[in-house]
Structure formats: structure tokens, C-alpha cells
N, C-alpha and C. Protein backbone atom coordinates (compact mmCIF):
# COMPACT_ATOMS: atom_id res chain seq x y z
N UNK A 1 115.04 135.73 87.89
CA UNK A 1 114.17 135.97 89.03
C UNK A 1 114.76 137.10 89.86
N UNK A 2 113.93 138.06 90.19
CA UNK A 2 114.37 139.19 90.99
C UNK A 2 114.24 138.83 92.47
N UNK A 3 115.32 139.00 93.20
CA UNK A 3 115.34 138.67 94.62
C UNK A 3 115.12 139.95 95.41
N UNK A 4 114.18 139.94 96.35
CA UNK A 4 113.96 141.14 97.16
C UNK A 4 115.25 141.58 97.84
N UNK A 5 115.52 142.87 97.73
CA UNK A 5 116.75 143.42 98.31
C UNK A 5 116.77 143.19 99.82
N UNK A 6 115.62 143.32 100.44
CA UNK A 6 115.53 143.15 101.88
C UNK A 6 116.03 141.76 102.29
N UNK A 7 115.60 140.72 101.58
CA UNK A 7 116.04 139.36 101.89
C UNK A 7 117.54 139.20 101.68
N UNK A 8 118.07 139.81 100.63
CA UNK A 8 119.52 139.73 100.39
C UNK A 8 120.29 140.32 101.56
N UNK A 9 119.81 141.46 102.05
CA UNK A 9 120.48 142.10 103.18
C UNK A 9 120.35 141.23 104.43
N UNK A 10 119.19 140.66 104.62
CA UNK A 10 118.98 139.80 105.79
C UNK A 10 119.91 138.59 105.76
N UNK A 11 120.05 137.97 104.59
CA UNK A 11 120.93 136.80 104.46
C UNK A 11 122.37 137.20 104.74
N UNK A 12 122.77 138.35 104.22
CA UNK A 12 124.14 138.83 104.45
C UNK A 12 124.36 139.09 105.95
N UNK A 13 123.41 139.75 106.58
CA UNK A 13 123.53 140.03 108.01
C UNK A 13 123.51 138.74 108.83
N UNK A 14 122.66 137.81 108.42
CA UNK A 14 122.58 136.51 109.09
C UNK A 14 123.92 135.80 109.03
N UNK A 15 124.55 135.80 107.87
CA UNK A 15 125.84 135.11 107.71
C UNK A 15 126.92 135.70 108.61
N UNK A 16 126.71 136.94 109.05
CA UNK A 16 127.66 137.59 109.95
C UNK A 16 127.25 137.42 111.42
N UNK A 17 126.22 136.61 111.65
CA UNK A 17 125.81 136.32 113.02
C UNK A 17 124.85 137.31 113.64
N UNK A 18 124.19 138.11 112.83
CA UNK A 18 123.27 139.13 113.33
C UNK A 18 121.96 138.47 113.81
N UNK A 19 121.74 138.48 115.12
CA UNK A 19 120.56 137.85 115.69
C UNK A 19 119.27 138.57 115.30
N UNK A 20 119.35 139.88 115.17
CA UNK A 20 118.16 140.65 114.78
C UNK A 20 117.71 140.27 113.36
N UNK A 21 118.67 140.05 112.47
CA UNK A 21 118.33 139.62 111.11
C UNK A 21 117.65 138.26 111.16
N UNK A 22 118.16 137.38 112.00
CA UNK A 22 117.54 136.06 112.15
C UNK A 22 116.11 136.20 112.67
N UNK A 23 115.90 137.07 113.65
CA UNK A 23 114.55 137.28 114.19
C UNK A 23 113.60 137.81 113.13
N UNK A 24 114.08 138.71 112.28
CA UNK A 24 113.24 139.25 111.21
C UNK A 24 112.87 138.13 110.23
N UNK A 25 113.85 137.32 109.86
CA UNK A 25 113.59 136.18 108.97
C UNK A 25 112.58 135.24 109.61
N UNK A 26 112.77 134.95 110.87
CA UNK A 26 111.89 134.05 111.60
C UNK A 26 110.45 134.57 111.60
N UNK A 27 110.28 135.84 111.97
CA UNK A 27 108.94 136.43 112.02
C UNK A 27 108.30 136.49 110.64
N UNK A 28 109.11 136.76 109.63
CA UNK A 28 108.58 136.90 108.26
C UNK A 28 108.15 135.56 107.68
N UNK A 29 108.90 134.50 107.94
CA UNK A 29 108.67 133.23 107.25
C UNK A 29 108.07 132.12 108.12
N UNK A 30 107.99 132.32 109.44
CA UNK A 30 107.47 131.26 110.30
C UNK A 30 106.09 130.79 109.86
N UNK A 31 105.14 131.70 109.74
CA UNK A 31 103.76 131.33 109.42
C UNK A 31 103.63 130.68 108.04
N UNK A 32 104.21 131.26 106.98
CA UNK A 32 104.08 130.60 105.67
C UNK A 32 104.71 129.20 105.64
N UNK A 33 105.83 129.04 106.34
CA UNK A 33 106.48 127.72 106.37
C UNK A 33 105.65 126.74 107.19
N UNK A 34 105.08 127.21 108.28
CA UNK A 34 104.21 126.35 109.09
C UNK A 34 103.00 125.91 108.28
N UNK A 35 102.41 126.83 107.52
CA UNK A 35 101.27 126.48 106.67
C UNK A 35 101.66 125.43 105.64
N UNK A 36 102.83 125.57 105.05
CA UNK A 36 103.32 124.60 104.07
C UNK A 36 103.44 123.22 104.70
N UNK A 37 104.06 123.15 105.87
CA UNK A 37 104.25 121.87 106.55
C UNK A 37 102.91 121.29 107.00
N UNK A 38 102.04 122.12 107.54
CA UNK A 38 100.77 121.64 108.05
C UNK A 38 99.89 121.08 106.93
N UNK A 39 99.90 121.72 105.76
CA UNK A 39 99.09 121.25 104.63
C UNK A 39 99.46 119.82 104.26
N UNK A 40 100.72 119.48 104.40
CA UNK A 40 101.17 118.14 104.02
C UNK A 40 101.02 117.13 105.15
N UNK A 41 101.22 117.57 106.39
CA UNK A 41 101.22 116.63 107.52
C UNK A 41 99.87 116.52 108.22
N UNK A 42 99.10 117.60 108.24
CA UNK A 42 97.85 117.66 109.00
C UNK A 42 98.08 117.37 110.48
N UNK A 43 99.24 117.75 110.97
CA UNK A 43 99.61 117.54 112.37
C UNK A 43 100.38 118.77 112.81
N UNK A 44 99.73 119.61 113.58
CA UNK A 44 100.32 120.90 113.94
C UNK A 44 101.63 120.75 114.71
N UNK A 45 101.66 119.86 115.70
CA UNK A 45 102.87 119.70 116.51
C UNK A 45 104.07 119.29 115.66
N UNK A 46 103.88 118.29 114.81
CA UNK A 46 104.99 117.86 113.95
C UNK A 46 105.36 118.95 112.95
N UNK A 47 104.36 119.66 112.43
CA UNK A 47 104.65 120.76 111.50
C UNK A 47 105.50 121.83 112.19
N UNK A 48 105.12 122.19 113.41
CA UNK A 48 105.89 123.19 114.16
C UNK A 48 107.31 122.69 114.43
N UNK A 49 107.44 121.43 114.81
CA UNK A 49 108.77 120.87 115.08
C UNK A 49 109.66 120.90 113.85
N UNK A 50 109.09 120.55 112.70
CA UNK A 50 109.88 120.52 111.47
C UNK A 50 110.32 121.93 111.05
N UNK A 51 109.40 122.89 111.15
CA UNK A 51 109.74 124.27 110.80
C UNK A 51 110.79 124.80 111.77
N UNK A 52 110.62 124.49 113.04
CA UNK A 52 111.61 124.91 114.03
C UNK A 52 112.98 124.33 113.68
N UNK A 53 112.99 123.08 113.25
CA UNK A 53 114.24 122.44 112.85
C UNK A 53 114.91 123.14 111.68
N UNK A 54 114.11 123.63 110.75
CA UNK A 54 114.66 124.38 109.60
C UNK A 54 115.32 125.66 110.09
N UNK A 55 114.66 126.36 111.01
CA UNK A 55 115.25 127.60 111.53
C UNK A 55 116.50 127.34 112.37
N UNK A 56 116.49 126.28 113.13
CA UNK A 56 117.69 125.93 113.91
C UNK A 56 118.85 125.65 112.97
N UNK A 57 118.57 124.89 111.93
CA UNK A 57 119.61 124.56 110.94
C UNK A 57 120.11 125.83 110.24
N UNK A 58 119.18 126.73 109.91
CA UNK A 58 119.55 127.99 109.27
C UNK A 58 120.53 128.76 110.15
N UNK A 59 120.24 128.84 111.44
CA UNK A 59 121.13 129.57 112.35
C UNK A 59 122.47 128.86 112.51
N UNK A 60 122.44 127.55 112.67
CA UNK A 60 123.67 126.80 112.89
C UNK A 60 124.60 126.83 111.68
N UNK A 61 124.03 126.88 110.49
CA UNK A 61 124.84 126.84 109.26
C UNK A 61 124.96 128.22 108.60
N UNK A 62 124.62 129.26 109.32
CA UNK A 62 124.54 130.60 108.75
C UNK A 62 125.81 131.05 108.05
N UNK A 63 126.97 130.64 108.56
CA UNK A 63 128.23 131.11 107.99
C UNK A 63 128.60 130.38 106.70
N UNK A 64 128.09 129.16 106.51
CA UNK A 64 128.43 128.37 105.32
C UNK A 64 127.42 128.52 104.19
N UNK A 65 126.25 129.02 104.49
CA UNK A 65 125.17 129.04 103.50
C UNK A 65 125.40 130.05 102.39
N UNK A 66 125.08 129.62 101.19
CA UNK A 66 125.09 130.50 100.01
C UNK A 66 123.66 130.52 99.48
N UNK A 67 122.87 131.47 99.96
CA UNK A 67 121.45 131.52 99.62
C UNK A 67 121.19 132.65 98.64
N UNK A 68 120.66 132.29 97.48
CA UNK A 68 120.31 133.30 96.48
C UNK A 68 118.87 133.76 96.64
N UNK A 69 117.99 132.85 97.07
CA UNK A 69 116.58 133.18 97.24
C UNK A 69 116.14 132.59 98.58
N UNK A 70 116.03 133.44 99.58
CA UNK A 70 115.75 132.99 100.94
C UNK A 70 114.43 132.24 101.05
N UNK A 71 113.38 132.80 100.48
CA UNK A 71 112.07 132.15 100.58
C UNK A 71 112.09 130.77 99.93
N UNK A 72 112.67 130.66 98.74
CA UNK A 72 112.74 129.36 98.05
C UNK A 72 113.58 128.38 98.85
N UNK A 73 114.68 128.86 99.42
CA UNK A 73 115.54 128.00 100.24
C UNK A 73 114.77 127.44 101.43
N UNK A 74 114.06 128.31 102.15
CA UNK A 74 113.33 127.89 103.35
C UNK A 74 112.19 126.94 103.00
N UNK A 75 111.45 127.25 101.94
CA UNK A 75 110.34 126.37 101.54
C UNK A 75 110.85 125.00 101.12
N UNK A 76 111.96 124.97 100.40
CA UNK A 76 112.55 123.70 99.98
C UNK A 76 113.01 122.91 101.19
N UNK A 77 113.63 123.58 102.14
CA UNK A 77 114.10 122.91 103.36
C UNK A 77 112.92 122.30 104.12
N UNK A 78 111.81 123.02 104.21
CA UNK A 78 110.63 122.50 104.89
C UNK A 78 110.07 121.30 104.13
N UNK A 79 110.02 121.39 102.80
CA UNK A 79 109.51 120.25 102.01
C UNK A 79 110.35 119.00 102.24
N UNK A 80 111.67 119.16 102.27
CA UNK A 80 112.54 118.00 102.53
C UNK A 80 112.31 117.43 103.93
N UNK A 81 112.17 118.31 104.92
CA UNK A 81 111.92 117.84 106.28
C UNK A 81 110.59 117.07 106.35
N UNK A 82 109.57 117.62 105.70
CA UNK A 82 108.26 116.97 105.68
C UNK A 82 108.36 115.61 105.00
N UNK A 83 109.01 115.56 103.85
CA UNK A 83 109.16 114.31 103.11
C UNK A 83 109.89 113.27 103.96
N UNK A 84 110.98 113.66 104.58
CA UNK A 84 111.73 112.73 105.44
C UNK A 84 110.87 112.23 106.60
N UNK A 85 110.09 113.13 107.18
CA UNK A 85 109.21 112.74 108.28
C UNK A 85 108.17 111.72 107.80
N UNK A 86 107.57 111.98 106.65
CA UNK A 86 106.55 111.08 106.11
C UNK A 86 107.17 109.71 105.81
N UNK A 87 108.34 109.71 105.19
CA UNK A 87 108.99 108.44 104.87
C UNK A 87 109.35 107.66 106.13
N UNK A 88 109.85 108.36 107.15
CA UNK A 88 110.21 107.71 108.41
C UNK A 88 108.97 107.12 109.08
N UNK A 89 107.89 107.88 109.09
CA UNK A 89 106.64 107.42 109.69
C UNK A 89 106.08 106.23 108.92
N UNK A 90 106.13 106.32 107.60
CA UNK A 90 105.61 105.23 106.76
C UNK A 90 106.42 103.96 106.98
N UNK A 91 107.75 104.09 107.06
CA UNK A 91 108.59 102.92 107.28
C UNK A 91 108.26 102.25 108.62
N UNK A 92 108.04 103.05 109.64
CA UNK A 92 107.69 102.51 110.95
C UNK A 92 106.37 101.75 110.86
N UNK A 93 105.38 102.35 110.21
CA UNK A 93 104.08 101.70 110.07
C UNK A 93 104.21 100.41 109.27
N UNK A 94 104.92 100.47 108.14
CA UNK A 94 105.07 99.29 107.29
C UNK A 94 105.80 98.17 108.03
N UNK A 95 106.75 98.53 108.89
CA UNK A 95 107.49 97.52 109.64
C UNK A 95 106.58 96.76 110.60
N UNK A 96 105.69 97.48 111.28
CA UNK A 96 104.87 96.85 112.31
C UNK A 96 103.54 96.31 111.79
N UNK A 97 103.12 96.70 110.60
CA UNK A 97 101.82 96.28 110.09
C UNK A 97 101.64 94.76 110.04
N UNK A 98 102.59 93.98 109.52
CA UNK A 98 102.39 92.52 109.51
C UNK A 98 102.28 91.93 110.91
N UNK A 99 103.02 92.49 111.85
CA UNK A 99 102.98 91.98 113.22
C UNK A 99 101.66 92.33 113.89
N UNK A 100 101.12 93.48 113.54
CA UNK A 100 99.84 93.90 114.09
C UNK A 100 98.78 92.84 113.78
N UNK A 101 98.76 92.38 112.54
CA UNK A 101 97.79 91.36 112.15
C UNK A 101 97.99 90.09 112.96
N UNK A 102 99.24 89.71 113.19
CA UNK A 102 99.49 88.51 113.99
C UNK A 102 99.00 88.67 115.42
N UNK A 103 99.21 89.87 115.99
CA UNK A 103 98.81 90.10 117.37
C UNK A 103 97.29 90.10 117.52
N UNK A 104 96.59 90.57 116.51
CA UNK A 104 95.15 90.78 116.63
C UNK A 104 94.30 89.71 115.94
N UNK A 105 94.91 88.82 115.21
CA UNK A 105 94.15 87.76 114.55
C UNK A 105 94.76 86.42 114.93
N UNK A 106 94.56 86.04 116.16
CA UNK A 106 95.16 84.80 116.67
C UNK A 106 94.15 83.66 116.51
N UNK A 107 93.80 83.35 115.26
CA UNK A 107 92.82 82.31 115.00
C UNK A 107 93.40 80.91 115.12
N UNK A 108 94.70 80.81 114.93
CA UNK A 108 95.31 79.48 114.92
C UNK A 108 96.36 79.39 116.03
N UNK A 109 96.65 78.19 116.48
CA UNK A 109 97.71 78.03 117.48
C UNK A 109 99.07 78.50 116.95
N UNK A 110 99.31 78.32 115.64
CA UNK A 110 100.58 78.75 115.05
C UNK A 110 100.73 80.26 115.14
N UNK A 111 99.67 80.97 114.76
CA UNK A 111 99.72 82.43 114.80
C UNK A 111 99.90 82.92 116.23
N UNK A 112 99.25 82.25 117.17
CA UNK A 112 99.38 82.63 118.58
C UNK A 112 100.82 82.41 119.07
N UNK A 113 101.42 81.30 118.67
CA UNK A 113 102.80 81.01 119.06
C UNK A 113 103.78 82.01 118.45
N UNK A 114 103.57 82.34 117.17
CA UNK A 114 104.43 83.32 116.51
C UNK A 114 104.31 84.67 117.21
N UNK A 115 103.08 85.09 117.49
CA UNK A 115 102.86 86.37 118.17
C UNK A 115 103.56 86.38 119.52
N UNK A 116 103.45 85.29 120.25
CA UNK A 116 104.10 85.19 121.57
C UNK A 116 105.61 85.30 121.43
N UNK A 117 106.17 84.61 120.45
CA UNK A 117 107.63 84.66 120.22
C UNK A 117 108.09 86.06 119.80
N UNK A 118 107.30 86.71 118.96
CA UNK A 118 107.66 88.07 118.52
C UNK A 118 107.64 89.02 119.71
N UNK A 119 106.63 88.90 120.54
CA UNK A 119 106.55 89.76 121.73
C UNK A 119 107.77 89.53 122.62
N UNK A 120 108.16 88.28 122.80
CA UNK A 120 109.35 87.97 123.61
C UNK A 120 110.61 88.57 122.98
N UNK A 121 110.72 88.50 121.65
CA UNK A 121 111.88 89.09 120.97
C UNK A 121 111.93 90.60 121.17
N UNK A 122 110.78 91.24 121.04
CA UNK A 122 110.73 92.70 121.21
C UNK A 122 111.07 93.07 122.66
N UNK A 123 110.56 92.31 123.61
CA UNK A 123 110.86 92.58 125.02
C UNK A 123 112.34 92.37 125.31
N UNK A 124 112.93 91.32 124.73
CA UNK A 124 114.37 91.08 124.92
C UNK A 124 115.18 92.21 124.31
N UNK A 125 114.77 92.67 123.14
CA UNK A 125 115.46 93.80 122.51
C UNK A 125 115.34 95.04 123.39
N UNK A 126 114.14 95.31 123.88
CA UNK A 126 113.92 96.50 124.72
C UNK A 126 114.81 96.47 125.95
N UNK A 127 115.04 95.29 126.50
CA UNK A 127 115.88 95.16 127.69
C UNK A 127 117.33 95.56 127.43
N UNK A 128 117.76 95.54 126.17
CA UNK A 128 119.14 95.91 125.83
C UNK A 128 119.32 97.42 125.65
N UNK A 129 118.22 98.15 125.58
CA UNK A 129 118.30 99.59 125.32
C UNK A 129 118.69 100.36 126.58
N UNK A 130 119.34 101.52 126.40
CA UNK A 130 119.58 102.40 127.56
C UNK A 130 118.23 102.77 128.20
N UNK A 131 118.26 103.06 129.47
CA UNK A 131 117.03 103.24 130.25
C UNK A 131 116.03 104.21 129.63
N UNK A 132 116.47 105.42 129.29
CA UNK A 132 115.55 106.43 128.76
C UNK A 132 115.00 106.02 127.40
N UNK A 133 115.86 105.46 126.53
CA UNK A 133 115.42 105.01 125.22
C UNK A 133 114.42 103.86 125.36
N UNK A 134 114.67 102.96 126.31
CA UNK A 134 113.76 101.83 126.55
C UNK A 134 112.39 102.36 126.99
N UNK A 135 112.41 103.34 127.87
CA UNK A 135 111.15 103.90 128.37
C UNK A 135 110.34 104.51 127.22
N UNK A 136 111.00 105.27 126.36
CA UNK A 136 110.34 105.87 125.20
C UNK A 136 109.80 104.78 124.27
N UNK A 137 110.63 103.80 123.98
CA UNK A 137 110.28 102.69 123.09
C UNK A 137 109.05 101.94 123.61
N UNK A 138 109.05 101.61 124.90
CA UNK A 138 107.94 100.85 125.47
C UNK A 138 106.65 101.66 125.54
N UNK A 139 106.76 102.95 125.82
CA UNK A 139 105.56 103.79 125.80
C UNK A 139 104.95 103.82 124.40
N UNK A 140 105.80 103.82 123.40
CA UNK A 140 105.32 103.84 122.01
C UNK A 140 104.73 102.49 121.61
N UNK A 141 105.45 101.42 121.91
CA UNK A 141 105.04 100.08 121.47
C UNK A 141 103.90 99.52 122.33
N UNK A 142 104.05 99.56 123.63
CA UNK A 142 103.06 98.92 124.51
C UNK A 142 101.84 99.80 124.78
N UNK A 143 102.08 101.09 124.97
CA UNK A 143 100.98 101.99 125.32
C UNK A 143 100.41 102.73 124.12
N UNK A 144 101.04 102.57 122.97
CA UNK A 144 100.59 103.22 121.72
C UNK A 144 100.48 104.73 121.87
N UNK A 145 101.40 105.32 122.63
CA UNK A 145 101.39 106.77 122.79
C UNK A 145 102.06 107.43 121.59
N UNK A 146 101.59 108.60 121.22
CA UNK A 146 102.19 109.37 120.13
C UNK A 146 103.48 110.03 120.63
N UNK A 147 104.24 110.54 119.69
CA UNK A 147 105.47 111.26 120.03
C UNK A 147 105.17 112.40 121.00
N UNK A 148 104.13 113.15 120.70
CA UNK A 148 103.75 114.29 121.53
C UNK A 148 103.36 113.84 122.94
N UNK A 149 102.59 112.76 123.02
CA UNK A 149 102.15 112.25 124.33
C UNK A 149 103.33 111.73 125.15
N UNK A 150 104.27 111.06 124.50
CA UNK A 150 105.46 110.57 125.20
C UNK A 150 106.28 111.75 125.71
N UNK A 151 106.45 112.75 124.86
CA UNK A 151 107.23 113.94 125.25
C UNK A 151 106.60 114.61 126.47
N UNK A 152 105.29 114.74 126.45
CA UNK A 152 104.60 115.37 127.58
C UNK A 152 104.73 114.51 128.84
N UNK A 153 104.56 113.21 128.70
CA UNK A 153 104.65 112.30 129.84
C UNK A 153 106.02 112.34 130.50
N UNK A 154 107.07 112.37 129.67
CA UNK A 154 108.44 112.32 130.19
C UNK A 154 109.07 113.70 130.40
N UNK A 155 108.38 114.74 129.96
CA UNK A 155 108.91 116.09 130.12
C UNK A 155 110.13 116.36 129.26
N UNK A 156 110.13 115.81 128.04
CA UNK A 156 111.23 116.04 127.10
C UNK A 156 110.64 116.55 125.78
N UNK A 157 111.50 116.98 124.88
CA UNK A 157 111.01 117.53 123.62
C UNK A 157 110.55 116.42 122.68
N UNK A 158 109.54 116.72 121.85
CA UNK A 158 109.09 115.73 120.86
C UNK A 158 110.21 115.31 119.91
N UNK A 159 111.11 116.22 119.61
CA UNK A 159 112.23 115.89 118.72
C UNK A 159 113.12 114.82 119.36
N UNK A 160 113.36 114.93 120.65
CA UNK A 160 114.15 113.92 121.36
C UNK A 160 113.45 112.57 121.28
N UNK A 161 112.14 112.58 121.47
CA UNK A 161 111.36 111.34 121.37
C UNK A 161 111.50 110.75 119.97
N UNK A 162 111.35 111.59 118.94
CA UNK A 162 111.48 111.11 117.55
C UNK A 162 112.85 110.50 117.31
N UNK A 163 113.88 111.18 117.75
CA UNK A 163 115.24 110.68 117.54
C UNK A 163 115.45 109.35 118.25
N UNK A 164 115.02 109.26 119.50
CA UNK A 164 115.22 108.03 120.27
C UNK A 164 114.40 106.87 119.69
N UNK A 165 113.18 107.16 119.24
CA UNK A 165 112.36 106.12 118.61
C UNK A 165 112.99 105.65 117.30
N UNK A 166 113.51 106.59 116.53
CA UNK A 166 114.16 106.22 115.27
C UNK A 166 115.33 105.28 115.50
N UNK A 167 116.15 105.60 116.48
CA UNK A 167 117.30 104.74 116.81
C UNK A 167 116.81 103.36 117.26
N UNK A 168 115.80 103.35 118.12
CA UNK A 168 115.27 102.08 118.64
C UNK A 168 114.69 101.22 117.52
N UNK A 169 113.91 101.83 116.66
CA UNK A 169 113.25 101.05 115.60
C UNK A 169 114.24 100.53 114.57
N UNK A 170 115.25 101.33 114.25
CA UNK A 170 116.30 100.85 113.33
C UNK A 170 117.02 99.65 113.94
N UNK A 171 117.35 99.76 115.21
CA UNK A 171 118.02 98.65 115.90
C UNK A 171 117.14 97.41 115.96
N UNK A 172 115.87 97.62 116.24
CA UNK A 172 114.93 96.50 116.30
C UNK A 172 114.86 95.79 114.95
N UNK A 173 114.72 96.58 113.90
CA UNK A 173 114.66 96.01 112.55
C UNK A 173 115.90 95.18 112.27
N UNK A 174 117.05 95.74 112.56
CA UNK A 174 118.32 95.07 112.27
C UNK A 174 118.46 93.77 113.05
N UNK A 175 118.11 93.80 114.31
CA UNK A 175 118.35 92.64 115.18
C UNK A 175 117.31 91.54 115.07
N UNK A 176 116.04 91.89 114.92
CA UNK A 176 115.05 90.81 115.01
C UNK A 176 114.38 90.43 113.71
N UNK A 177 114.49 91.22 112.66
CA UNK A 177 113.83 90.86 111.41
C UNK A 177 114.26 89.49 110.89
N UNK A 178 115.57 89.18 110.84
CA UNK A 178 115.95 87.84 110.35
C UNK A 178 115.38 86.72 111.23
N UNK A 179 115.34 86.96 112.52
CA UNK A 179 114.81 85.94 113.44
C UNK A 179 113.31 85.75 113.20
N UNK A 180 112.61 86.85 113.01
CA UNK A 180 111.16 86.77 112.78
C UNK A 180 110.86 86.05 111.47
N UNK A 181 111.61 86.36 110.44
CA UNK A 181 111.41 85.69 109.15
C UNK A 181 111.58 84.18 109.31
N UNK A 182 112.63 83.78 110.00
CA UNK A 182 112.86 82.34 110.24
C UNK A 182 111.74 81.74 111.08
N UNK A 183 111.32 82.48 112.08
CA UNK A 183 110.26 82.01 112.97
C UNK A 183 108.96 81.79 112.20
N UNK A 184 108.59 82.77 111.39
CA UNK A 184 107.36 82.66 110.61
C UNK A 184 107.49 81.54 109.58
N UNK A 185 108.63 81.48 108.90
CA UNK A 185 108.84 80.44 107.88
C UNK A 185 108.77 79.04 108.49
N UNK A 186 109.26 78.89 109.71
CA UNK A 186 109.27 77.56 110.33
C UNK A 186 107.88 77.09 110.74
N UNK A 187 106.93 78.01 110.80
CA UNK A 187 105.57 77.64 111.21
C UNK A 187 104.62 77.45 110.04
N UNK A 188 105.10 77.68 108.82
CA UNK A 188 104.20 77.56 107.66
C UNK A 188 104.75 76.63 106.63
């Protein structure tokens, strides 16, 4: 595969900390990478955030990178970011899906009691979180706000919201899943 000489020079200049080379790379590849991310996510804000993350990583790791094909490297990095985002989002949805049914289909006293207990467990967990993380978590869980809406409401970056939600949800899973399993098992 023939590598464009211009890209080779840009990568070399980038590795030496040349900001102008980085700007050229950014201008050249921003739109194609954004299109790649958007086609898979269908969410412009998340697509922009992921592409921005790739460029931030490129700059931060510029001295260690050994890039033979800049375009292929950047496209692959975006694909990995998109895949990780999809998996993280899917895991969050899969985690809450069974509870959603309990909250919205309270046909029996048992289901109502389980839902009440789960809500209490989630509230108790939320109370243990640091203030800002708790606020983000509750806006997501109770108000059903998106990452973008939470970021706008709190005046912080969507990436910060994603990171804080990820930490909160992992902790929630770890702490309350065994309790919920026992709770549900004891009622059936």
C-alpha cells in the first residue's frame, strides 16, 4: 500500500510536537471521521465527542505513536471508540431493562413490593455517591435525561457526564445486583 507522502510528513512533524501539523491533520480528517462515527451512532453529539476523543488521544500520544497509515489509524481508532460506546450503552440498557418492567407493570403486590425495594436500594446507593456524581446519576435515572441534556443542565462536558455515569452504573451493578437477585428470588 502506498502511503501519501504528505501524511508521512505530517505524522513525523506531529511526533515532534508540531501544532500546525496537528491542525492540518484535524482539518483533513475531522469530517470523514465524523461521518464514519455518525453512520454507526446516528447521534451527532456522541459522534463529535468520540471523534474529538480520537484527536485528543492522537495529540497526547504523539511521541509514542508509530503510524504507517494515518487515515487507516484514525478510522480504526474511531471504529473502536464507536464500538466501545455502543457496548457501554447496550450494557446500561440491558442492566435496567428488567427493572423497567417491574416499575411499569405492577400488576401484583409482589411486583410492587420488589419495585419499591429496588427503588430504595438505588436511592441508598445514590446517597453514597460524591455530590456531583450523585446529581448526574439522579438526573439520568429519575429524570431520564440524556448525557447531552445533563451536560447542558449542569454546564459540564458530555464526556464528563459519560465518565461519571459509567462509574456510577458499574458501582450500582456491583453493589446491588446480588441483593436484587435475592430479593426477586425470595418473592417467587
